[in-house]
């Protein structure tokens, strides 16, 4: 926690979350990550029930929804803590894509959809997924997509092909972005529709291997297909043609969540790097930490992590006070800056660990292969940098 952003409620909750993560998750995380998913899932569900019993469940939700009513700035600090283990967010029901779907449905879904799908999702009884990116179209331009949802009577008929649909394996429903009006303005063609995954025509083609690791269950990214997939018109979320706007509502908080999780990864990797530097002997009386290059990496990492945290929390604070739209430039800035710091810190930590760093005997290789995408998803670095530069240059008359 940082004094500038600390609240009395956070002071009460933070130590409990920290204690739970360090005592209940750290000792078994490698076993759960690299073991059989069916066994890991059961153990994780037991831990989820335990976190709920301790009153630590879904802290970002309002109290009346079973959460703790934390602001984005407060939750961001817990999110960093949860990010120190790959399973932290899942155990507290704060994991993507569920957290984004929960926030989206909480604001825009009908009461019928909330009762049938949102409530069990909040309770942790089911999981969900989100399908937007398509292999045939550049994800950096989300208004271009081939998936269509044609209204026939009181039903949408959905056809399309999606990939990187995180956690589709085992999910109960999918929120899909599809074109509902091909003649409309590009930013008003798409809509978001909820599709139960047991609907005829919905299929998972494969779990996509991420640098060789295809994963399973929650720890996977799937390629999915919709073939004459029929769902009631009532499964529309928000208004027809509002899909792009809803995506922006979802992505603003999502980028804060990602950035704070990345900072948590950085802190854990930094700790591992320092412990290795202080203990690994090169020769008698000479440790890795005596090497000036290693000292430089440690100093640079410390400065970059601290700078990232302050940037993200200031952005979260602005979002809390003025809304996501007012903070959009800051959101773009932290997205590319923190993603770059994440990869630098992970790379240095792996290098300090030597050959051990590229094995699965530590978390470093897992994070390196699964988080390299940080500079691609939710908008590639280049798009966010261009957005920031354009805003700056406007002030100079360009």
Protein backbone atom coordinates (compact mmCIF):
# COMPACT_ATOMS: atom_id res chain seq x y z
CA UNK A 1 0.00 0.00 0.00
CA UNK A 2 1.06 3.60 -0.60
CA UNK A 3 0.18 6.19 2.05
CA UNK A 4 -1.02 8.60 -0.63
CA UNK A 5 -3.72 6.12 -1.72
CA UNK A 6 -4.37 4.22 1.52
CA UNK A 7 -7.84 4.18 3.10
CA UNK A 8 -9.04 2.77 6.41
CA UNK A 9 -10.93 0.00 4.62
CA UNK A 10 -7.85 -0.97 2.63
CA UNK A 11 -5.75 -1.05 5.81
CA UNK A 12 -8.17 -3.63 7.19
CA UNK A 13 -8.44 -5.82 4.09
CA UNK A 14 -4.91 -5.73 2.67
CA UNK A 15 -3.16 -7.75 5.43
CA UNK A 16 -5.83 -10.46 5.25
CA UNK A 17 -5.44 -10.88 1.49
CA UNK A 18 -1.65 -10.85 1.81
CA UNK A 19 -1.69 -13.49 4.53
CA UNK A 20 -4.05 -15.72 2.55
CA UNK A 21 -1.96 -15.51 -0.63
CA UNK A 22 1.38 -16.12 1.07
CA UNK A 23 0.21 -18.98 3.29
CA UNK A 24 -2.40 -20.71 1.14
CA UNK A 25 -1.33 -20.06 -2.46
CA UNK A 26 2.43 -19.62 -2.70
CA UNK A 27 3.23 -23.11 -1.33
CA UNK A 28 1.08 -24.94 -3.91
CA UNK A 29 1.04 -22.66 -6.96
CA UNK A 30 3.51 -24.70 -9.06
CA UNK A 31 1.61 -27.90 -8.29
CA UNK A 32 -1.68 -26.31 -9.34
CA UNK A 33 -0.29 -24.63 -12.45
CA UNK A 34 1.48 -27.65 -13.86
CA UNK A 35 -0.71 -30.43 -12.51
CA UNK A 36 -3.81 -32.00 -14.03
CA UNK A 37 -6.46 -29.28 -14.37
CA UNK A 38 -9.30 -31.38 -12.95
CA UNK A 39 -7.36 -31.86 -9.71
CA UNK A 40 -6.18 -28.26 -9.63
CA UNK A 41 -9.68 -26.92 -10.22
CA UNK A 42 -11.07 -28.76 -7.22
CA UNK A 43 -8.34 -27.42 -4.96
CA UNK A 44 -8.85 -23.93 -6.33
CA UNK A 45 -12.58 -24.14 -5.75
CA UNK A 46 -11.91 -25.09 -2.13
CA UNK A 47 -9.65 -22.04 -1.80
CA UNK A 48 -12.34 -19.86 -3.42
CA UNK A 49 -14.85 -21.06 -0.84
CA UNK A 50 -12.33 -20.25 1.88
CA UNK A 51 -11.70 -16.73 0.61
CA UNK A 52 -15.46 -16.15 0.44
CA UNK A 53 -15.90 -17.35 4.03
CA UNK A 54 -13.23 -14.85 5.11
CA UNK A 55 -15.17 -11.98 3.55
CA UNK A 56 -12.57 -11.34 0.82
CA UNK A 57 -14.72 -12.27 -2.20
CA UNK A 58 -15.03 -10.00 -5.26
CA UNK A 59 -13.84 -6.85 -3.45
CA UNK A 60 -14.51 -4.62 -6.48
CA UNK A 61 -18.28 -5.22 -6.34
CA UNK A 62 -20.72 -3.14 -4.29
CA UNK A 63 -21.52 -4.55 -0.87
CA UNK A 64 -25.12 -5.27 -1.86
CA UNK A 65 -23.76 -7.53 -4.63
CA UNK A 66 -21.63 -9.52 -2.20
CA UNK A 67 -18.41 -7.52 -2.63
CA UNK A 68 -16.54 -5.02 -0.49
CA UNK A 69 -17.39 -1.86 -2.39
CA UNK A 70 -13.81 -0.83 -3.09
CA UNK A 71 -12.97 2.03 -5.44
CA UNK A 72 -10.77 1.38 -8.46
CA UNK A 73 -7.82 2.94 -6.60
CA UNK A 74 -8.36 0.69 -3.58
CA UNK A 75 -8.93 -2.42 -5.64
CA UNK A 76 -5.88 -1.67 -7.77
CA UNK A 77 -3.65 -2.12 -4.74
CA UNK A 78 -5.26 -5.46 -3.91
CA UNK A 79 -4.96 -6.43 -7.57
CA UNK A 80 -1.21 -5.92 -7.40
CA UNK A 81 -1.07 -8.21 -4.39
CA UNK A 82 -3.18 -10.87 -6.12
CA UNK A 83 -0.95 -10.58 -9.18
CA UNK A 84 2.06 -11.90 -7.29
CA UNK A 85 0.74 -15.41 -8.02
CA UNK A 86 -0.91 -16.54 -11.29
CA UNK A 87 -3.86 -17.90 -9.30
CA UNK A 88 -4.47 -14.95 -6.99
CA UNK A 89 -7.23 -13.23 -8.92
CA UNK A 90 -9.04 -16.50 -9.55
CA UNK A 91 -9.22 -17.41 -5.87
CA UNK A 92 -10.91 -14.08 -5.04
CA UNK A 93 -13.18 -14.13 -8.13
CA UNK A 94 -11.38 -11.16 -9.68
CA UNK A 95 -10.01 -12.95 -12.74
CA UNK A 96 -10.31 -11.94 -16.37
CA UNK A 97 -12.47 -12.34 -18.33
CA UNK A 98 -15.08 -12.84 -15.59
CA UNK A 99 -14.39 -9.53 -13.85
CA UNK A 100 -14.91 -7.65 -17.11
CA UNK A 101 -18.09 -9.57 -17.91
CA UNK A 102 -19.41 -9.00 -14.40
CA UNK A 103 -18.79 -5.25 -14.60
CA UNK A 104 -20.31 -5.12 -18.10
CA UNK A 105 -23.44 -7.07 -17.18
CA UNK A 106 -23.84 -5.23 -13.90
CA UNK A 107 -24.24 -1.98 -15.86
CA UNK A 108 -25.93 -3.05 -19.08
CA UNK A 109 -27.59 -6.49 -18.91
CA UNK A 110 -31.33 -6.98 -18.46
CA UNK A 111 -32.72 -8.17 -15.13
CA UNK A 112 -33.47 -11.53 -16.73
CA UNK A 113 -29.83 -12.02 -17.78
CA UNK A 114 -28.62 -10.83 -14.40
CA UNK A 115 -30.75 -13.35 -12.57
CA UNK A 116 -29.94 -16.28 -14.84
CA UNK A 117 -26.26 -15.65 -15.59
CA UNK A 118 -24.76 -12.78 -13.62
CA UNK A 119 -25.74 -13.92 -10.13
CA UNK A 120 -24.21 -17.41 -10.43
CA UNK A 121 -21.11 -15.82 -12.00
CA UNK A 122 -20.73 -13.45 -9.05
CA UNK A 123 -21.29 -16.35 -6.65
CA UNK A 124 -18.50 -18.34 -8.34
CA UNK A 125 -20.82 -21.16 -9.38
CA UNK A 126 -19.96 -20.75 -13.07
CA UNK A 127 -17.31 -19.16 -15.30
CA UNK A 128 -17.67 -17.11 -18.47
CA UNK A 129 -15.65 -16.07 -21.51
CA UNK A 130 -15.51 -13.14 -23.95
CA UNK A 131 -15.16 -13.52 -27.74
CA UNK A 132 -14.04 -10.50 -29.74
CA UNK A 133 -10.75 -11.13 -31.56
CA UNK A 134 -10.82 -12.99 -34.89
CA UNK A 135 -7.94 -14.77 -36.66
CA UNK A 136 -8.96 -13.36 -40.05
CA UNK A 137 -8.88 -9.68 -38.99
CA UNK A 138 -6.33 -7.44 -37.29
CA UNK A 139 -7.20 -7.20 -33.62
CA UNK A 140 -5.72 -3.70 -33.50
CA UNK A 141 -8.74 -2.50 -35.50
CA UNK A 142 -11.71 -3.95 -33.59
CA UNK A 143 -14.37 -2.42 -35.84
CA UNK A 144 -13.38 -4.96 -38.52
CA UNK A 145 -14.86 -8.38 -37.85
CA UNK A 146 -16.58 -11.14 -39.81
CA UNK A 147 -18.82 -12.59 -37.12
CA UNK A 148 -22.46 -11.71 -37.77
CA UNK A 149 -25.65 -11.91 -35.74
CA UNK A 150 -28.74 -11.75 -37.95
CA UNK A 151 -32.09 -11.14 -36.29
CA UNK A 152 -34.72 -13.68 -37.37
CA UNK A 153 -37.94 -13.12 -35.50
CA UNK A 154 -37.11 -13.19 -31.81
CA UNK A 155 -33.73 -14.88 -32.28
CA UNK A 156 -30.21 -13.92 -33.30
CA UNK A 157 -28.52 -16.35 -35.67
CA UNK A 158 -24.79 -16.06 -35.08
CA UNK A 159 -22.05 -17.18 -37.46
CA UNK A 160 -18.37 -16.50 -37.03
CA UNK A 161 -14.92 -17.50 -35.94
CA UNK A 162 -13.12 -16.18 -32.84
CA UNK A 163 -9.87 -16.90 -31.09
CA UNK A 164 -8.01 -16.03 -27.89
CA UNK A 165 -11.32 -16.49 -26.11
CA UNK A 166 -9.79 -16.76 -22.64
CA UNK A 167 -11.15 -19.46 -20.32
CA UNK A 168 -13.77 -20.72 -22.80
CA UNK A 169 -12.82 -24.26 -21.79
CA UNK A 170 -15.37 -25.02 -19.06
CA UNK A 171 -17.20 -21.67 -19.29
CA UNK A 172 -21.01 -21.63 -19.00
CA UNK A 173 -21.57 -18.68 -21.29
CA UNK A 174 -19.78 -16.46 -23.77
CA UNK A 175 -20.32 -12.78 -24.49
CA UNK A 176 -19.67 -12.41 -28.21
CA UNK A 177 -19.08 -9.26 -30.23
CA UNK A 178 -20.85 -9.58 -33.60
CA UNK A 179 -21.92 -7.37 -36.49
CA UNK A 180 -25.69 -6.80 -36.34
CA UNK A 181 -25.95 -4.07 -39.01
CA UNK A 182 -23.51 -4.15 -41.92
CA UNK A 183 -24.80 -0.81 -43.29
CA UNK A 184 -24.31 1.25 -40.12
CA UNK A 185 -21.38 3.48 -39.20
CA UNK A 186 -18.35 1.25 -38.45
CA UNK A 187 -18.56 2.09 -34.75
CA UNK A 188 -22.26 1.21 -34.61
CA UNK A 189 -22.30 -2.07 -36.51
CA UNK A 190 -21.44 -4.34 -33.63
CA UNK A 191 -23.45 -5.61 -30.68
CA UNK A 192 -22.72 -7.80 -27.66
CA UNK A 193 -24.80 -10.92 -27.20
CA UNK A 194 -24.72 -13.54 -24.46
CA UNK A 195 -24.46 -17.11 -25.76
CA UNK A 196 -24.72 -20.11 -23.40
CA UNK A 197 -21.89 -22.47 -24.37
CA UNK A 198 -24.27 -25.45 -24.53
CA UNK A 199 -26.12 -23.75 -27.39
CA UNK A 200 -26.22 -25.83 -30.60
CA UNK A 201 -23.68 -24.36 -33.01
CA UNK A 202 -21.19 -23.13 -30.40
CA UNK A 203 -17.99 -25.16 -30.39
CA UNK A 204 -14.44 -24.96 -29.11
CA UNK A 205 -12.06 -25.96 -31.90
CA UNK A 206 -8.94 -26.05 -29.75
CA UNK A 207 -7.09 -24.51 -26.85
CA UNK A 208 -4.41 -22.43 -28.53
CA UNK A 209 -0.83 -23.33 -27.48
CA UNK A 210 0.88 -20.25 -26.04
CA UNK A 211 4.58 -20.76 -26.72
CA UNK A 212 3.93 -24.49 -26.44
CA UNK A 213 1.52 -24.44 -23.48
CA UNK A 214 -2.13 -24.98 -24.46
CA UNK A 215 -3.38 -25.05 -20.89
CA UNK A 216 -6.84 -26.18 -19.76
CA UNK A 217 -9.92 -24.80 -18.06
CA UNK A 218 -9.49 -21.29 -16.73
CA UNK A 219 -5.81 -21.37 -17.75
CA UNK A 220 -6.47 -21.49 -21.49
CA UNK A 221 -7.22 -19.42 -24.58
CA UNK A 222 -9.56 -21.04 -27.09
CA UNK A 223 -10.42 -20.85 -30.75
CA UNK A 224 -14.21 -20.99 -31.01
CA UNK A 225 -16.75 -21.14 -33.80
CA UNK A 226 -20.38 -20.08 -34.09
CA UNK A 227 -22.35 -21.98 -36.77
CA UNK A 228 -26.01 -21.01 -37.08
CA UNK A 229 -25.97 -20.50 -33.34
CA UNK A 230 -29.43 -19.35 -32.23
CA UNK A 231 -30.07 -17.36 -29.05
CA UNK A 232 -33.06 -15.25 -27.96
CA UNK A 233 -33.08 -11.58 -28.85
CA UNK A 234 -33.37 -10.98 -25.10
CA UNK A 235 -29.72 -12.07 -24.80
CA UNK A 236 -28.61 -8.75 -26.29
CA UNK A 237 -26.55 -6.73 -23.81
CA UNK A 238 -27.24 -3.03 -23.98
CA UNK A 239 -28.62 -1.62 -27.22
CA UNK A 240 -28.26 -2.82 -30.80
CA UNK A 241 -25.13 -1.31 -32.29
CA UNK A 242 -23.62 -0.40 -28.93
CA UNK A 243 -20.98 -3.14 -28.97
CA UNK A 244 -18.01 -0.89 -29.63
CA UNK A 245 -19.10 1.53 -26.89
CA UNK A 246 -19.57 -1.38 -24.46
CA UNK A 247 -16.12 -2.69 -25.35
CA UNK A 248 -14.64 0.66 -24.33
CA UNK A 249 -16.55 0.55 -21.03
CA UNK A 250 -15.10 -2.90 -20.46
CA UNK A 251 -11.55 -2.13 -21.57
CA UNK A 252 -10.97 1.00 -19.44
CA UNK A 253 -11.18 -0.74 -16.05
CA UNK A 254 -9.69 -3.88 -17.63
CA UNK A 255 -6.47 -2.08 -18.47
CA UNK A 256 -6.16 -0.84 -14.89
CA UNK A 257 -6.67 -4.42 -13.69
CA UNK A 258 -4.03 -5.72 -16.10
CA UNK A 259 -1.47 -3.07 -15.18
CA UNK A 260 -1.78 -3.62 -11.44
CA UNK A 261 -1.56 -7.38 -11.96
CA UNK A 262 1.60 -6.86 -14.02
CA UNK A 263 3.11 -4.79 -11.23
CA UNK A 264 2.38 -7.66 -8.85
CA UNK A 265 4.23 -10.01 -11.21
CA UNK A 266 7.11 -7.54 -11.34
CA UNK A 267 7.32 -7.40 -7.54
CA UNK A 268 7.42 -11.18 -7.20
CA UNK A 269 9.98 -11.54 -10.02
CA UNK A 270 12.04 -8.74 -8.45
CA UNK A 271 12.03 -10.51 -5.10
CA UNK A 272 13.13 -13.76 -6.76
CA UNK A 273 15.87 -11.92 -8.66
CA UNK A 274 17.24 -10.27 -5.52
CA UNK A 275 17.21 -13.51 -3.52
CA UNK A 276 19.05 -15.28 -6.31
CA UNK A 277 21.60 -12.47 -6.64
CA UNK A 278 22.27 -12.51 -2.90
CA UNK A 279 22.64 -16.29 -2.61
CA UNK A 280 24.14 -17.64 -5.85
CA UNK A 281 27.92 -17.99 -5.62
CA UNK A 282 30.10 -17.44 -8.66
CA UNK A 283 33.16 -18.41 -6.68
CA UNK A 284 34.09 -18.38 -3.02
CA UNK A 285 33.24 -15.01 -1.54
CA UNK A 286 31.76 -13.71 -4.79
CA UNK A 287 27.98 -13.65 -5.30
CA UNK A 288 25.98 -12.71 -8.36
CA UNK A 289 24.87 -9.58 -6.54
CA UNK A 290 28.45 -8.33 -6.47
CA UNK A 291 28.38 -7.96 -10.26
CA UNK A 292 27.78 -4.37 -11.32
CA UNK A 293 25.50 -5.40 -14.19
CA UNK A 294 23.24 -7.28 -11.78
CA UNK A 295 23.24 -4.27 -9.45
CA UNK A 296 22.21 -2.05 -12.36
CA UNK A 297 19.33 -4.39 -13.22
CA UNK A 298 18.14 -4.38 -9.62
CA UNK A 299 18.30 -0.59 -9.36
CA UNK A 300 16.59 -0.03 -12.71
CA UNK A 301 13.85 -2.55 -11.89
CA UNK A 302 13.14 -0.96 -8.52
CA UNK A 303 12.79 2.49 -10.06
CA UNK A 304 10.64 1.30 -12.98
CA UNK A 305 8.27 -0.74 -10.78
CA UNK A 306 7.77 2.14 -8.36
CA UNK A 307 7.16 4.58 -11.23
CA UNK A 308 4.65 2.17 -12.81
CA UNK A 309 2.69 1.79 -9.59
CA UNK A 310 2.34 5.53 -9.10
CA UNK A 311 1.32 6.07 -12.73
CA UNK A 312 -1.37 3.40 -12.52
CA UNK A 313 -2.77 4.51 -9.17
CA UNK A 314 -2.95 8.13 -10.30
CA UNK A 315 -4.84 6.93 -13.39
CA UNK A 316 -7.19 4.81 -11.26
CA UNK A 317 -7.78 7.80 -8.99
CA UNK A 318 -8.66 9.98 -11.99
CA UNK A 319 -11.03 7.30 -13.25
CA UNK A 320 -12.72 7.10 -9.84
CA UNK A 321 -13.25 10.87 -9.75
CA UNK A 322 -13.89 11.76 -13.38
CA UNK A 323 -14.74 8.53 -15.21
CA UNK A 324 -12.93 6.33 -17.73
CA UNK A 325 -13.40 8.75 -20.63
CA UNK A 326 -11.58 11.54 -18.81
CA UNK A 327 -8.69 9.17 -18.07
CA UNK A 328 -8.42 7.61 -21.54
CA UNK A 329 -5.03 9.13 -22.36
CA UNK A 330 -3.58 8.09 -19.01
CA UNK A 331 -5.00 4.60 -19.59
CA UNK A 332 -3.20 4.37 -22.94
CA UNK A 333 0.02 5.59 -21.33
CA UNK A 334 0.09 3.06 -18.50
CA UNK A 335 -0.87 0.22 -20.86
CA UNK A 336 2.29 0.42 -22.97
CA UNK A 337 4.60 1.67 -20.23
CA UNK A 338 3.80 -1.01 -17.65
CA UNK A 339 3.73 -3.80 -20.26
CA UNK A 340 7.27 -2.82 -21.25
CA UNK A 341 8.47 -2.71 -17.63
CA UNK A 342 6.94 -6.15 -17.06
CA UNK A 343 8.94 -7.71 -19.88
CA UNK A 344 12.16 -5.99 -18.80
CA UNK A 345 11.86 -7.15 -15.20
CA UNK A 346 10.95 -10.72 -16.17
CA UNK A 347 13.83 -10.89 -18.63
CA UNK A 348 16.33 -9.64 -16.04
CA UNK A 349 15.02 -12.08 -13.44
CA UNK A 350 15.36 -14.99 -15.86
CA UNK A 351 18.89 -13.94 -16.76
CA UNK A 352 19.91 -13.76 -13.10
CA UNK A 353 18.54 -17.27 -12.55
CA UNK A 354 20.52 -18.58 -15.50
CA UNK A 355 19.38 -21.95 -16.88
CA UNK A 356 17.02 -22.37 -13.92
CA UNK A 357 15.09 -19.33 -15.13
CA UNK A 358 13.91 -21.00 -18.34
CA UNK A 359 12.63 -24.13 -16.58
CA UNK A 360 9.25 -24.61 -14.93
CA UNK A 361 10.93 -25.03 -11.54
CA UNK A 362 10.12 -21.36 -10.94
CA UNK A 363 7.23 -19.15 -12.07
CA UNK A 364 9.44 -17.05 -14.33
CA UNK A 365 9.10 -19.14 -17.49
CA UNK A 366 5.32 -19.41 -17.01
CA UNK A 367 5.00 -15.66 -16.74
CA UNK A 368 7.38 -14.99 -19.61
CA UNK A 369 5.45 -17.08 -22.13
CA UNK A 370 1.97 -16.09 -20.93
CA UNK A 371 2.65 -12.37 -20.37
CA UNK A 372 4.58 -11.61 -23.54
CA UNK A 373 1.16 -10.94 -25.00
CA UNK A 374 0.84 -7.96 -22.63
CA UNK A 375 2.30 -5.76 -25.35
CA UNK A 376 -0.31 -7.04 -27.84
CA UNK A 377 -3.70 -7.63 -26.24
CA UNK A 378 -6.05 -4.82 -25.13
CA UNK A 379 -4.48 -2.73 -27.87
CA UNK A 380 -0.88 -3.20 -29.05
CA UNK A 381 1.77 -0.86 -27.69
CA UNK A 382 2.05 0.93 -31.02
CA UNK A 383 -1.64 1.93 -31.06
CA UNK A 384 -1.51 3.33 -27.53
CA UNK A 385 1.70 5.24 -28.26
CA UNK A 386 0.19 6.74 -31.40
CA UNK A 387 -2.91 7.78 -29.43
CA UNK A 388 -0.81 9.49 -26.78
CA UNK A 389 1.42 11.23 -29.33
CA UNK A 390 -1.59 12.57 -31.27
CA UNK A 391 -3.07 14.07 -28.12
CA UNK A 392 0.24 15.72 -27.24
CA UNK A 393 0.76 17.08 -30.76
CA UNK A 394 -2.73 18.61 -30.77
CA UNK A 395 -1.41 21.05 -28.19
CA UNK A 396 1.23 22.09 -30.73
CA UNK A 397 -1.29 22.70 -33.49
CA UNK A 398 -0.80 19.45 -35.43
